[in-house]
Amino acid sequence: MIHVSRDTKLPDELNLVRIRRIAAEVFTIRNYSGDASLVFTKNETLQKFNREYRNVDNATDVLSFPSDEIDPDSGVRYLGDVIISTEKAFAQSLQAGKPYLDELTMLIVHGCLHLTGLDHTLDAEKQNMKTNQEFILQKLGIENFSWPEED
């Protein structure tokens, strides 16, 4: 199950069904199964987590917290959490001149790819992650490729 929460407004087109479909597409393509949480929130929350977990005192667009725990009651694997700043996503979409929905979709894909073990710390990893991200975005009908901000 993909759990979704928000404390900020999302575009009408980005409903619960669509969010879950985007995340499920990533997990299916990467051959991962399990539960995950996606949180849509404000810059302030991302700044807090970025400062606490990455020692970077500013807001970022997306953070992922991979898990890989097994729920002892259900036996279901928990892949982790993805937290997205809707404020950053909106600003980035304006700056890039692309639809806000495309930016949010890219951030969902990017965050979920992190939950499947992909990273972009090293150049070789970055290219692999970009290739996977672009492939999935194409499958989802998104043509405005971008890369999350590096904060």
C-alpha atoms as a PDB file:
ATOM      1  CA  MET A   1       0.000   0.000   0.000  1.00  0.00           C
ATOM      2  CA  ILE A   2       1.201   3.471  -0.840  1.00  0.00           C
ATOM      3  CA  HIS A   3       0.243   5.763   2.044  1.00  0.00           C
ATOM      4  CA  VAL A   4      -0.217   9.427   1.136  1.00  0.00           C
ATOM      5  CA  SER A   5      -0.535  12.429   3.400  1.00  0.00           C
ATOM      6  CA  ARG A   6      -0.412  16.142   2.801  1.00  0.00           C
ATOM      7  CA  ASP A   7      -0.684  19.382   4.693  1.00  0.00           C
ATOM      8  CA  THR A   8      -0.694  21.516   1.572  1.00  0.00           C
ATOM      9  CA  LYS A   9      -2.810  21.779  -1.564  1.00  0.00           C
ATOM     10  CA  LEU A  10      -2.033  19.601  -4.570  1.00  0.00           C
ATOM     11  CA  PRO A  11      -3.233  20.093  -8.139  1.00  0.00           C
ATOM     12  CA  ASP A  12      -6.636  18.482  -8.709  1.00  0.00           C
ATOM     13  CA  GLU A  13      -5.073  16.148 -11.312  1.00  0.00           C
ATOM     14  CA  LEU A  14      -2.690  14.738  -8.700  1.00  0.00           C
ATOM     15  CA  ASN A  15      -5.248  12.717  -6.797  1.00  0.00           C
ATOM     16  CA  LEU A  16      -4.650   9.700  -4.584  1.00  0.00           C
ATOM     17  CA  VAL A  17      -5.116   7.216  -7.429  1.00  0.00           C
ATOM     18  CA  ARG A  18      -2.571   9.001  -9.625  1.00  0.00           C
ATOM     19  CA  ILE A  19       0.000   9.346  -6.838  1.00  0.00           C
ATOM     20  CA  ARG A  20      -0.265   5.638  -6.059  1.00  0.00           C
ATOM     21  CA  ARG A  21      -0.035   4.744  -9.753  1.00  0.00           C
ATOM     22  CA  ILE A  22       3.162   6.778 -10.165  1.00  0.00           C
ATOM     23  CA  ALA A  23       4.811   5.157  -7.125  1.00  0.00           C
ATOM     24  CA  ALA A  24       3.608   1.689  -8.147  1.00  0.00           C
ATOM     25  CA  GLU A  25       5.103   2.160 -11.610  1.00  0.00           C
ATOM     26  CA  VAL A  26       8.515   2.873 -10.076  1.00  0.00           C
ATOM     27  CA  PHE A  27       8.331  -0.114  -7.745  1.00  0.00           C
ATOM     28  CA  THR A  28       7.105  -2.442 -10.505  1.00  0.00           C
ATOM     29  CA  ILE A  29       9.830  -1.415 -12.950  1.00  0.00           C
ATOM     30  CA  ARG A  30      12.488  -1.758 -10.250  1.00  0.00           C
ATOM     31  CA  ASN A  31      10.984  -5.090  -9.111  1.00  0.00           C
ATOM     32  CA  TYR A  32      10.300  -3.915  -5.566  1.00  0.00           C
ATOM     33  CA  SER A  33       7.194  -4.624  -3.545  1.00  0.00           C
ATOM     34  CA  GLY A  34       6.031  -3.334  -0.212  1.00  0.00           C
ATOM     35  CA  ASP A  35       4.512  -0.359   1.502  1.00  0.00           C
ATOM     36  CA  ALA A  36       5.748   3.221   1.314  1.00  0.00           C
ATOM     37  CA  SER A  37       4.655   6.651   2.487  1.00  0.00           C
ATOM     38  CA  LEU A  38       4.572   9.816   0.408  1.00  0.00           C
ATOM     39  CA  VAL A  39       4.209  13.119   2.238  1.00  0.00           C
ATOM     40  CA  PHE A  40       3.489  16.426   0.512  1.00  0.00           C
ATOM     41  CA  THR A  41       4.349  19.383   2.701  1.00  0.00           C
ATOM     42  CA  LYS A  42       5.937  22.838   2.904  1.00  0.00           C
ATOM     43  CA  ASN A  43       9.504  24.129   2.654  1.00  0.00           C
ATOM     44  CA  GLU A  44       9.699  24.546   6.416  1.00  0.00           C
ATOM     45  CA  THR A  45       9.296  20.806   6.995  1.00  0.00           C
ATOM     46  CA  LEU A  46      11.857  19.860   4.338  1.00  0.00           C
ATOM     47  CA  GLN A  47      14.313  22.369   5.793  1.00  0.00           C
ATOM     48  CA  LYS A  48      13.880  20.831   9.233  1.00  0.00           C
ATOM     49  CA  PHE A  49      14.512  17.281   7.956  1.00  0.00           C
ATOM     50  CA  ASN A  50      17.352  18.417   5.695  1.00  0.00           C
ATOM     51  CA  ARG A  51      19.046  20.106   8.652  1.00  0.00           C
ATOM     52  CA  GLU A  52      18.452  17.175  10.988  1.00  0.00           C
ATOM     53  CA  TYR A  53      19.429  14.311   8.667  1.00  0.00           C
ATOM     54  CA  ARG A  54      21.795  15.875   6.131  1.00  0.00           C
ATOM     55  CA  ASN A  55      23.260  18.805   8.068  1.00  0.00           C
ATOM     56  CA  VAL A  56      22.084  21.205   5.342  1.00  0.00           C
ATOM     57  CA  ASP A  57      20.121  24.144   6.717  1.00  0.00           C
ATOM     58  CA  ASN A  58      17.827  24.960   3.808  1.00  0.00           C
ATOM     59  CA  ALA A  59      14.752  23.566   2.164  1.00  0.00           C
ATOM     60  CA  THR A  60      15.071  21.013  -0.601  1.00  0.00           C
ATOM     61  CA  ASP A  61      12.516  19.609  -3.014  1.00  0.00           C
ATOM     62  CA  VAL A  62      12.510  15.911  -2.072  1.00  0.00           C
ATOM     63  CA  LEU A  63      13.977  13.717   0.641  1.00  0.00           C
ATOM     64  CA  SER A  64      13.807   9.948   0.810  1.00  0.00           C
ATOM     65  CA  PHE A  65      14.259   7.740   3.817  1.00  0.00           C
ATOM     66  CA  PRO A  66      14.663   4.116   2.684  1.00  0.00           C
ATOM     67  CA  SER A  67      13.703   1.495   5.233  1.00  0.00           C
ATOM     68  CA  ASP A  68      13.459  -2.185   4.238  1.00  0.00           C
ATOM     69  CA  GLU A  69      11.857  -3.262   7.506  1.00  0.00           C
ATOM     70  CA  ILE A  70       9.315  -6.073   7.656  1.00  0.00           C
ATOM     71  CA  ASP A  71       6.045  -5.469   9.507  1.00  0.00           C
ATOM     72  CA  PRO A  72       5.953  -8.229  12.137  1.00  0.00           C
ATOM     73  CA  ASP A  73       2.142  -8.413  12.030  1.00  0.00           C
ATOM     74  CA  SER A  74       1.559  -8.450   8.273  1.00  0.00           C
ATOM     75  CA  GLY A  75       4.937  -9.644   6.997  1.00  0.00           C
ATOM     76  CA  VAL A  76       4.892  -6.788   4.454  1.00  0.00           C
ATOM     77  CA  ARG A  77       8.124  -5.013   3.619  1.00  0.00           C
ATOM     78  CA  TYR A  78       8.222  -1.266   4.351  1.00  0.00           C
ATOM     79  CA  LEU A  79      10.259   0.502   1.670  1.00  0.00           C
ATOM     80  CA  GLY A  80      10.389   3.899   3.379  1.00  0.00           C
ATOM     81  CA  ASP A  81       9.228   7.498   3.215  1.00  0.00           C
ATOM     82  CA  VAL A  82       9.361  10.178   0.518  1.00  0.00           C
ATOM     83  CA  ILE A  83       8.808  13.788   1.570  1.00  0.00           C
ATOM     84  CA  ILE A  84       8.167  16.416  -1.107  1.00  0.00           C
ATOM     85  CA  SER A  85       8.016  20.191  -0.774  1.00  0.00           C
ATOM     86  CA  THR A  86       5.108  21.424  -2.868  1.00  0.00           C
ATOM     87  CA  GLU A  87       6.419  24.990  -2.500  1.00  0.00           C
ATOM     88  CA  LYS A  88       9.805  24.035  -3.997  1.00  0.00           C
ATOM     89  CA  ALA A  89       8.127  21.979  -6.705  1.00  0.00           C
ATOM     90  CA  PHE A  90       5.917  24.899  -7.693  1.00  0.00           C
ATOM     91  CA  ALA A  91       8.835  27.366  -7.759  1.00  0.00           C
ATOM     92  CA  GLN A  92      10.964  24.960  -9.810  1.00  0.00           C
ATOM     93  CA  SER A  93       8.145  24.391 -12.296  1.00  0.00           C
ATOM     94  CA  LEU A  94       7.804  28.143 -12.824  1.00  0.00           C
ATOM     95  CA  GLN A  95      11.562  28.578 -13.175  1.00  0.00           C
ATOM     96  CA  ALA A  96      11.796  25.738 -15.715  1.00  0.00           C
ATOM     97  CA  GLY A  97       8.642  26.817 -17.556  1.00  0.00           C
ATOM     98  CA  LYS A  98       6.990  23.422 -17.246  1.00  0.00           C
ATOM     99  CA  PRO A  99       3.777  22.163 -15.695  1.00  0.00           C
ATOM    100  CA  TYR A 100       3.611  21.907 -11.911  1.00  0.00           C
ATOM    101  CA  LEU A 101       2.108  18.417 -12.259  1.00  0.00           C
ATOM    102  CA  ASP A 102       5.161  17.270 -14.261  1.00  0.00           C
ATOM    103  CA  GLU A 103       7.505  18.584 -11.565  1.00  0.00           C
ATOM    104  CA  LEU A 104       5.586  16.816  -8.807  1.00  0.00           C
ATOM    105  CA  THR A 105       5.521  13.606 -10.846  1.00  0.00           C
ATOM    106  CA  MET A 106       9.285  13.803 -11.359  1.00  0.00           C
ATOM    107  CA  LEU A 107       9.827  14.278  -7.621  1.00  0.00           C
ATOM    108  CA  ILE A 108       7.614  11.291  -6.782  1.00  0.00           C
ATOM    109  CA  VAL A 109       9.551   9.136  -9.251  1.00  0.00           C
ATOM    110  CA  HIS A 110      12.903  10.423  -8.004  1.00  0.00           C
ATOM    111  CA  GLY A 111      12.031   9.860  -4.354  1.00  0.00           C
ATOM    112  CA  CYS A 112      10.673   6.371  -4.993  1.00  0.00           C
ATOM    113  CA  LEU A 113      13.803   5.450  -6.970  1.00  0.00           C
ATOM    114  CA  HIS A 114      15.805   6.231  -3.831  1.00  0.00           C
ATOM    115  CA  LEU A 115      13.595   3.779  -1.928  1.00  0.00           C
ATOM    116  CA  THR A 116      14.630   1.094  -4.435  1.00  0.00           C
ATOM    117  CA  GLY A 117      18.309   1.597  -3.678  1.00  0.00           C
ATOM    118  CA  LEU A 118      19.301   4.033  -6.408  1.00  0.00           C
ATOM    119  CA  ASP A 119      21.410   7.045  -5.517  1.00  0.00           C
ATOM    120  CA  HIS A 120      23.368   9.781  -7.250  1.00  0.00           C
ATOM    121  CA  THR A 121      26.330  10.422  -4.997  1.00  0.00           C
ATOM    122  CA  LEU A 122      28.834   9.090  -7.534  1.00  0.00           C
ATOM    123  CA  ASP A 123      28.801   9.944 -11.252  1.00  0.00           C
ATOM    124  CA  ALA A 124      28.142   6.321 -12.290  1.00  0.00           C
ATOM    125  CA  GLU A 125      25.212   6.123  -9.871  1.00  0.00           C
ATOM    126  CA  LYS A 126      23.867   9.453 -11.086  1.00  0.00           C
ATOM    127  CA  GLN A 127      23.730   8.318 -14.714  1.00  0.00           C
ATOM    128  CA  ASN A 128      21.968   5.083 -13.754  1.00  0.00           C
ATOM    129  CA  MET A 129      19.421   6.969 -11.691  1.00  0.00           C
ATOM    130  CA  LYS A 130      18.831   9.549 -14.447  1.00  0.00           C
ATOM    131  CA  THR A 131      18.330   6.779 -17.011  1.00  0.00           C
ATOM    132  CA  ASN A 132      15.799   5.013 -14.786  1.00  0.00           C
ATOM    133  CA  GLN A 133      14.037   8.269 -13.955  1.00  0.00           C
ATOM    134  CA  GLU A 134      13.712   9.339 -17.601  1.00  0.00           C
ATOM    135  CA  PHE A 135      12.500   5.878 -18.651  1.00  0.00           C
ATOM    136  CA  ILE A 136       9.762   5.890 -16.003  1.00  0.00           C
ATOM    137  CA  LEU A 137       8.745   9.481 -16.739  1.00  0.00           C
ATOM    138  CA  GLN A 138       8.413   8.595 -20.436  1.00  0.00           C
ATOM    139  CA  LYS A 139       6.216   5.628 -19.535  1.00  0.00           C
ATOM    140  CA  LEU A 140       4.063   8.013 -17.495  1.00  0.00           C
ATOM    141  CA  GLY A 141       3.783  10.433 -20.416  1.00  0.00           C
ATOM    142  CA  ILE A 142       6.003  13.132 -18.931  1.00  0.00           C
ATOM    143  CA  GLU A 143       8.260  14.752 -21.503  1.00  0.00           C
ATOM    144  CA  ASN A 144       9.669  17.551 -19.363  1.00  0.00           C
ATOM    145  CA  PHE A 145      12.644  15.794 -17.849  1.00  0.00           C
ATOM    146  CA  SER A 146      14.467  17.508 -15.060  1.00  0.00           C
ATOM    147  CA  TRP A 147      16.613  16.662 -12.116  1.00  0.00           C
ATOM    148  CA  PRO A 148      15.876  17.639  -8.505  1.00  0.00           C
ATOM    149  CA  GLU A 149      17.838  20.499  -7.045  1.00  0.00           C
ATOM    150  CA  GLU A 150      21.019  19.497  -5.258  1.00  0.00           C
ATOM    151  CA  ASP A 151      20.814  20.991  -1.770  1.00  0.00           C
END
